[in-house]
Protein backbone atom coordinates (compact mmCIF):
# COMPACT_ATOMS: atom_id res chain seq x y z
CA MET A 1 98.18 104.19 117.38
CA ALA A 2 101.63 105.18 118.37
CA ASP A 3 103.95 107.77 116.15
CA ASN A 4 107.05 106.00 115.53
CA ASP A 5 110.40 107.52 114.66
CA PRO A 6 111.09 105.74 110.72
CA ALA A 7 114.74 105.58 111.76
CA ASP A 8 113.62 102.66 113.90
CA LEU A 9 112.16 100.65 110.96
CA LEU A 10 113.67 102.41 107.88
CA PRO A 11 117.56 101.61 108.32
CA ASN A 12 119.04 104.20 105.94
CA ASP A 13 118.15 107.56 103.56
CA ARG A 14 117.93 105.17 100.58
CA VAL A 15 114.98 103.00 101.96
CA LYS A 16 113.54 106.09 103.56
CA GLN A 17 113.45 107.62 99.60
CA ALA A 18 112.49 104.26 98.42
CA ALA A 19 109.52 104.15 100.59
CA LEU A 20 108.50 107.68 99.79
CA ASP A 21 108.85 106.63 95.74
CA GLY A 22 106.86 103.72 96.55
CA GLU A 23 109.43 100.80 95.56
CA VAL A 24 109.92 99.69 99.14
CA THR A 25 106.26 98.94 100.79
CA GLN A 26 107.74 96.49 103.54
CA LEU A 27 110.65 95.52 105.46
CA HIS A 28 111.78 92.22 107.37
CA ARG A 29 113.55 93.15 110.14
CA GLY A 30 115.08 91.11 113.45
CA ASN A 31 112.77 93.16 115.65
CA ARG A 32 109.17 94.29 115.83
CA TYR A 33 109.33 98.00 115.37
CA GLY A 34 105.62 98.68 115.63
CA GLU A 35 102.16 97.48 115.57
CA GLU A 36 99.43 97.29 113.07
CA GLY A 37 97.94 100.99 113.07
CA ASP A 38 101.26 102.83 113.92
CA THR A 39 102.18 105.59 111.81
CA PHE A 40 105.27 107.34 110.89
CA GLU A 41 106.61 110.17 108.72
CA ILE A 42 108.93 110.53 106.26
CA ASP A 43 109.49 114.23 105.04
CA GLY A 44 105.96 115.40 105.97
CA VAL A 45 104.56 112.13 104.50
CA ALA A 46 102.46 109.72 106.72
CA PHE A 47 102.76 106.26 106.42
CA GLU A 48 100.79 103.43 108.24
CA LEU A 49 101.65 100.13 109.34
CA VAL A 50 99.02 97.66 107.67
CA GLU A 51 100.46 94.15 108.55
CA VAL A 52 103.19 93.13 111.40
CA THR A 53 103.51 89.91 110.87
CA GLU A 54 106.27 87.16 112.59
CA ARG A 55 107.96 84.97 109.95
CA THR A 56 111.06 83.25 109.23
CA LEU A 57 113.60 84.12 106.29
CA GLY A 58 112.58 80.30 104.70
CA ASP A 59 108.91 82.25 104.41
CA MET A 60 110.14 84.80 102.27
CA THR A 61 108.79 84.86 98.66
CA ASP A 62 110.00 86.76 95.33
CA GLU A 63 106.99 88.90 96.06
CA ASP A 64 108.32 90.24 99.74
CA ALA A 65 111.69 91.10 98.04
CA LYS A 66 109.90 93.18 95.30
CA ARG A 67 108.08 94.77 98.12
CA GLU A 68 111.46 95.26 99.84
CA GLY A 69 113.05 97.04 96.39
CA SER A 70 114.88 94.02 95.03
CA PRO A 71 113.82 92.40 91.61
CA SER A 72 114.04 89.00 93.12
CA LEU A 73 114.69 86.90 96.32
CA SER A 74 117.95 85.93 95.20
CA ALA A 75 118.75 89.43 94.54
CA TYR A 76 117.61 90.35 98.13
CA LYS A 77 119.45 87.73 99.68
CA GLU A 78 122.89 89.05 97.92
CA ARG A 79 121.64 92.57 98.80
CA MET A 80 121.53 91.37 102.62
CA VAL A 81 125.02 90.20 102.32
CA ARG A 82 126.21 93.41 100.81
CA ALA A 83 124.17 95.30 103.66
CA HIS A 84 125.83 93.50 106.44
CA GLY A 85 129.45 93.71 105.16
CA GLY A 86 129.43 90.16 104.04
CA ASN A 87 128.67 89.18 107.93
CA PHE A 88 125.34 87.67 106.99
CA GLU A 89 124.55 84.47 106.50
CA TRP A 90 120.99 83.27 104.82
CA ASP A 91 119.36 80.88 107.67
CA ASP A 92 115.81 79.90 106.54
CA ASP A 93 114.82 79.05 110.33
CA ALA A 94 116.02 82.96 111.05
CA ASP A 95 113.13 84.83 113.13
CA VAL A 96 112.09 87.86 111.40
CA VAL A 97 109.22 90.58 111.58
CA ARG A 98 107.57 91.71 108.60
CA HIS A 99 106.60 95.44 108.55
CA ARG A 100 104.05 96.11 105.35
CA PHE A 101 103.17 99.50 105.45
CA GLU A 102 101.38 102.09 103.18
CA ARG A 103 101.04 106.12 102.69
CA ALA A 104 98.36 106.99 105.32
CA ASP A 105 97.24 109.95 102.96
CA GLU A 106 96.15 107.69 100.07
CA ASP A 107 93.79 105.65 102.54
CA ARG A 108 92.09 108.71 103.59
CA ARG A 109 90.90 110.35 100.62
């Protein structure tokens, strides 16, 4: 296991807070930011990567979008365009890495 800087995986304070609140439990990113079993902390709360999977954007589902804090895949796509300043075009064939995580302290109690 390795300790990672959450800034590498979690792109901003809003996402970090959403992870703390349990509203975000995974993120798809263009690069791999850890391996299963790796841990990171946000404000003293430990998280563990429980699944790291290579996929394409076309593999994403409404359930994936909900785990990333969006109500639907359609809303997630719109959020990605806004987050990238309008310079984002959804490509079903684009490679991404899903990082699913959970609070480490909940598993150990």
